[in-house]
C-alpha atoms as a PDB file:
ATOM      1  CA  MET A   1      22.137  -7.619 -19.115  1.00  0.00           C
ATOM      2  CA  PHE A   2      20.704  -4.121 -19.594  1.00  0.00           C
ATOM      3  CA  ALA A   3      22.156  -3.958 -23.114  1.00  0.00           C
ATOM      4  CA  SER A   4      20.291  -7.144 -24.009  1.00  0.00           C
ATOM      5  CA  LEU A   5      17.061  -5.579 -22.706  1.00  0.00           C
ATOM      6  CA  SER A   6      17.495  -2.457 -24.839  1.00  0.00           C
ATOM      7  CA  ASP A   7      15.922  -4.180 -27.855  1.00  0.00           C
ATOM      8  CA  ALA A   8      12.101  -4.339 -28.067  1.00  0.00           C
ATOM      9  CA  THR A   9      12.178  -7.765 -29.742  1.00  0.00           C
ATOM     10  CA  ARG A  10      14.200  -9.239 -26.889  1.00  0.00           C
ATOM     11  CA  ARG A  11      11.888  -7.671 -24.301  1.00  0.00           C
ATOM     12  CA  GLY A  12       8.981  -9.240 -26.198  1.00  0.00           C
ATOM     13  CA  ILE A  13      10.692 -12.622 -26.051  1.00  0.00           C
ATOM     14  CA  LEU A  14      10.970 -12.329 -22.269  1.00  0.00           C
ATOM     15  CA  VAL A  15       7.295 -11.371 -22.000  1.00  0.00           C
ATOM     16  CA  ARG A  16       6.345 -14.401 -24.101  1.00  0.00           C
ATOM     17  CA  LEU A  17       8.578 -16.721 -22.080  1.00  0.00           C
ATOM     18  CA  GLY A  18       6.936 -15.378 -18.929  1.00  0.00           C
ATOM     19  CA  GLU A  19       3.857 -17.297 -20.105  1.00  0.00           C
ATOM     20  CA  GLY A  20       5.860 -20.526 -20.357  1.00  0.00           C
ATOM     21  CA  PRO A  21       8.596 -22.242 -22.382  1.00  0.00           C
ATOM     22  CA  ALA A  22       8.598 -21.925 -26.170  1.00  0.00           C
ATOM     23  CA  THR A  23      10.645 -23.097 -29.110  1.00  0.00           C
ATOM     24  CA  ILE A  24      12.583 -20.723 -31.352  1.00  0.00           C
ATOM     25  CA  GLY A  25       9.933 -21.315 -34.020  1.00  0.00           C
ATOM     26  CA  GLU A  26       7.100 -20.445 -31.633  1.00  0.00           C
ATOM     27  CA  LEU A  27       8.889 -17.238 -30.681  1.00  0.00           C
ATOM     28  CA  ALA A  28       9.568 -16.315 -34.323  1.00  0.00           C
ATOM     29  CA  GLU A  29       6.102 -17.052 -35.712  1.00  0.00           C
ATOM     30  CA  PRO A  30       4.126 -14.044 -34.404  1.00  0.00           C
ATOM     31  CA  THR A  31       6.913 -11.628 -35.341  1.00  0.00           C
ATOM     32  CA  GLY A  32       7.412 -12.853 -38.903  1.00  0.00           C
ATOM     33  CA  MET A  33      11.120 -13.109 -38.153  1.00  0.00           C
ATOM     34  CA  THR A  34      13.280 -15.863 -39.599  1.00  0.00           C
ATOM     35  CA  LEU A  35      14.411 -18.669 -37.327  1.00  0.00           C
ATOM     36  CA  THR A  36      18.001 -17.486 -37.763  1.00  0.00           C
ATOM     37  CA  GLY A  37      17.090 -13.940 -36.723  1.00  0.00           C
ATOM     38  CA  MET A  38      15.154 -15.149 -33.681  1.00  0.00           C
ATOM     39  CA  LYS A  39      17.986 -17.502 -32.723  1.00  0.00           C
ATOM     40  CA  LYS A  40      20.379 -14.525 -32.670  1.00  0.00           C
ATOM     41  CA  HIS A  41      18.068 -12.596 -30.325  1.00  0.00           C
ATOM     42  CA  VAL A  42      17.676 -15.631 -28.066  1.00  0.00           C
ATOM     43  CA  GLN A  43      21.463 -16.084 -28.044  1.00  0.00           C
ATOM     44  CA  VAL A  44      21.933 -12.506 -26.796  1.00  0.00           C
ATOM     45  CA  LEU A  45      19.441 -13.188 -23.986  1.00  0.00           C
ATOM     46  CA  GLU A  46      21.123 -16.500 -23.214  1.00  0.00           C
ATOM     47  CA  ASP A  47      24.568 -14.840 -23.085  1.00  0.00           C
ATOM     48  CA  ALA A  48      23.112 -12.319 -20.606  1.00  0.00           C
ATOM     49  CA  GLY A  49      21.834 -15.193 -18.460  1.00  0.00           C
ATOM     50  CA  LEU A  50      18.186 -14.223 -18.939  1.00  0.00           C
ATOM     51  CA  VAL A  51      17.150 -17.252 -20.998  1.00  0.00           C
ATOM     52  CA  VAL A  52      18.092 -20.917 -20.860  1.00  0.00           C
ATOM     53  CA  THR A  53      17.806 -23.080 -23.965  1.00  0.00           C
ATOM     54  CA  GLU A  54      17.767 -26.828 -24.290  1.00  0.00           C
ATOM     55  CA  LYS A  55      17.832 -29.023 -27.384  1.00  0.00           C
ATOM     56  CA  VAL A  56      14.655 -31.117 -27.493  1.00  0.00           C
ATOM     57  CA  GLY A  57      14.544 -33.360 -30.545  1.00  0.00           C
ATOM     58  CA  ARG A  58      15.000 -31.149 -33.611  1.00  0.00           C
ATOM     59  CA  SER A  59      14.037 -27.910 -31.896  1.00  0.00           C
ATOM     60  CA  ARG A  60      15.476 -25.672 -29.198  1.00  0.00           C
ATOM     61  CA  GLN A  61      13.252 -25.070 -26.152  1.00  0.00           C
ATOM     62  CA  CYS A  62      13.644 -21.707 -24.430  1.00  0.00           C
ATOM     63  CA  ARG A  63      12.650 -20.709 -20.900  1.00  0.00           C
ATOM     64  CA  LEU A  64      13.253 -17.809 -18.557  1.00  0.00           C
ATOM     65  CA  ALA A  65      16.125 -17.787 -16.122  1.00  0.00           C
ATOM     66  CA  PRO A  66      14.575 -15.505 -13.472  1.00  0.00           C
ATOM     67  CA  ALA A  67      17.514 -15.014 -11.105  1.00  0.00           C
ATOM     68  CA  PRO A  68      19.231 -12.291 -13.199  1.00  0.00           C
ATOM     69  CA  LEU A  69      15.937 -10.395 -13.488  1.00  0.00           C
ATOM     70  CA  ASP A  70      15.552 -10.555  -9.712  1.00  0.00           C
ATOM     71  CA  ASP A  71      19.051  -9.095  -9.331  1.00  0.00           C
ATOM     72  CA  ALA A  72      18.220  -6.304 -11.791  1.00  0.00           C
ATOM     73  CA  MET A  73      14.987  -5.494  -9.933  1.00  0.00           C
ATOM     74  CA  ALA A  74      16.874  -5.266  -6.637  1.00  0.00           C
ATOM     75  CA  TRP A  75      19.367  -2.871  -8.232  1.00  0.00           C
ATOM     76  CA  ILE A  76      16.596  -0.765  -9.813  1.00  0.00           C
ATOM     77  CA  SER A  77      14.598  -0.692  -6.562  1.00  0.00           C
ATOM     78  CA  PHE A  78      17.605   0.568  -4.621  1.00  0.00           C
ATOM     79  CA  TYR A  79      18.035   3.531  -6.969  1.00  0.00           C
ATOM     80  CA  GLN A  80      14.301   4.138  -7.134  1.00  0.00           C
ATOM     81  CA  ARG A  81      14.179   4.511  -3.341  1.00  0.00           C
ATOM     82  CA  LEU A  82      17.338   6.661  -3.361  1.00  0.00           C
ATOM     83  CA  TRP A  83      15.936   9.080  -5.942  1.00  0.00           C
ATOM     84  CA  ALA A  84      12.524   9.180  -4.280  1.00  0.00           C
ATOM     85  CA  ARG A  85      14.192  10.295  -1.022  1.00  0.00           C
ATOM     86  CA  ARG A  86      16.291  12.895  -2.836  1.00  0.00           C
ATOM     87  CA  LEU A  87      13.332  14.276  -4.752  1.00  0.00           C
ATOM     88  CA  ASP A  88      11.218  14.381  -1.581  1.00  0.00           C
ATOM     89  CA  GLY A  89      13.990  16.385   0.074  1.00  0.00           C
ATOM     90  CA  LEU A  90      14.140  18.747  -2.882  1.00  0.00           C
ATOM     91  CA  ASP A  91      10.355  19.166  -2.750  1.00  0.00           C
ATOM     92  CA  ALA A  92      10.528  19.962   0.967  1.00  0.00           C
ATOM     93  CA  TYR A  93      13.276  22.530   0.342  1.00  0.00           C
ATOM     94  CA  PHE A  94      11.334  24.389  -2.339  1.00  0.00           C
ATOM     95  CA  THR A  95       8.108  24.206  -0.359  1.00  0.00           C
ATOM     96  CA  LEU A  96       9.804  25.810   2.653  1.00  0.00           C
ATOM     97  CA  ARG A  97      11.255  28.529   0.412  1.00  0.00           C
ATOM     98  CA  ARG A  98       7.726  29.343  -0.734  1.00  0.00           C
ATOM     99  CA  GLY A  99       6.639  29.695   2.881  1.00  0.00           C
ATOM    100  CA  ALA A 100       4.438  26.646   3.469  1.00  0.00           C
ATOM    101  CA  ALA A 101       5.403  23.530   5.349  1.00  0.00           C
ATOM    102  CA  PRO A 102       5.529  20.396   3.156  1.00  0.00           C
ATOM    103  CA  THR A 103       2.631  18.779   5.023  1.00  0.00           C
ATOM    104  CA  GLU A 104       0.488  21.911   4.598  1.00  0.00           C
ATOM    105  CA  ARG A 105       1.167  21.927   0.884  1.00  0.00           C
ATOM    106  CA  ARG A 106       0.307  18.232   0.504  1.00  0.00           C
ATOM    107  CA  GLU A 107      -2.940  18.808   2.368  1.00  0.00           C
ATOM    108  CA  LYS A 108      -3.790  21.697   0.035  1.00  0.00           C
ATOM    109  CA  GLU A 109      -3.040  19.545  -3.007  1.00  0.00           C
ATOM    110  CA  GLN A 110      -5.218  16.727  -1.662  1.00  0.00           C
ATOM    111  CA  GLY A 111      -8.043  19.120  -0.770  1.00  0.00           C
ATOM    112  CA  THR A 112      -8.098  18.337   2.964  1.00  0.00           C
END
């Protein structure tokens, strides 16, 4: 999934689909990309489970599949909290080495 999100065009597709469903042609139009090129990007997102497509008449309708994004956000949030705790601990360590308690330093920085 993260590999599919590494491309700016594919991230743009997800942003656009966040506004509502769109056809391949509607996704390609503002970018100036060919339908074939856009279809390849959509296929990568579909293979990653981020987009669902459905044949409607002569066109292919695309929409978001939010569950994988929710899973990615949960994973990212876990590591964000983990690193925040580790960096707070590192900050406290260096603050103590400089001779001020972490809360005293924060108060100085905030001007209180």
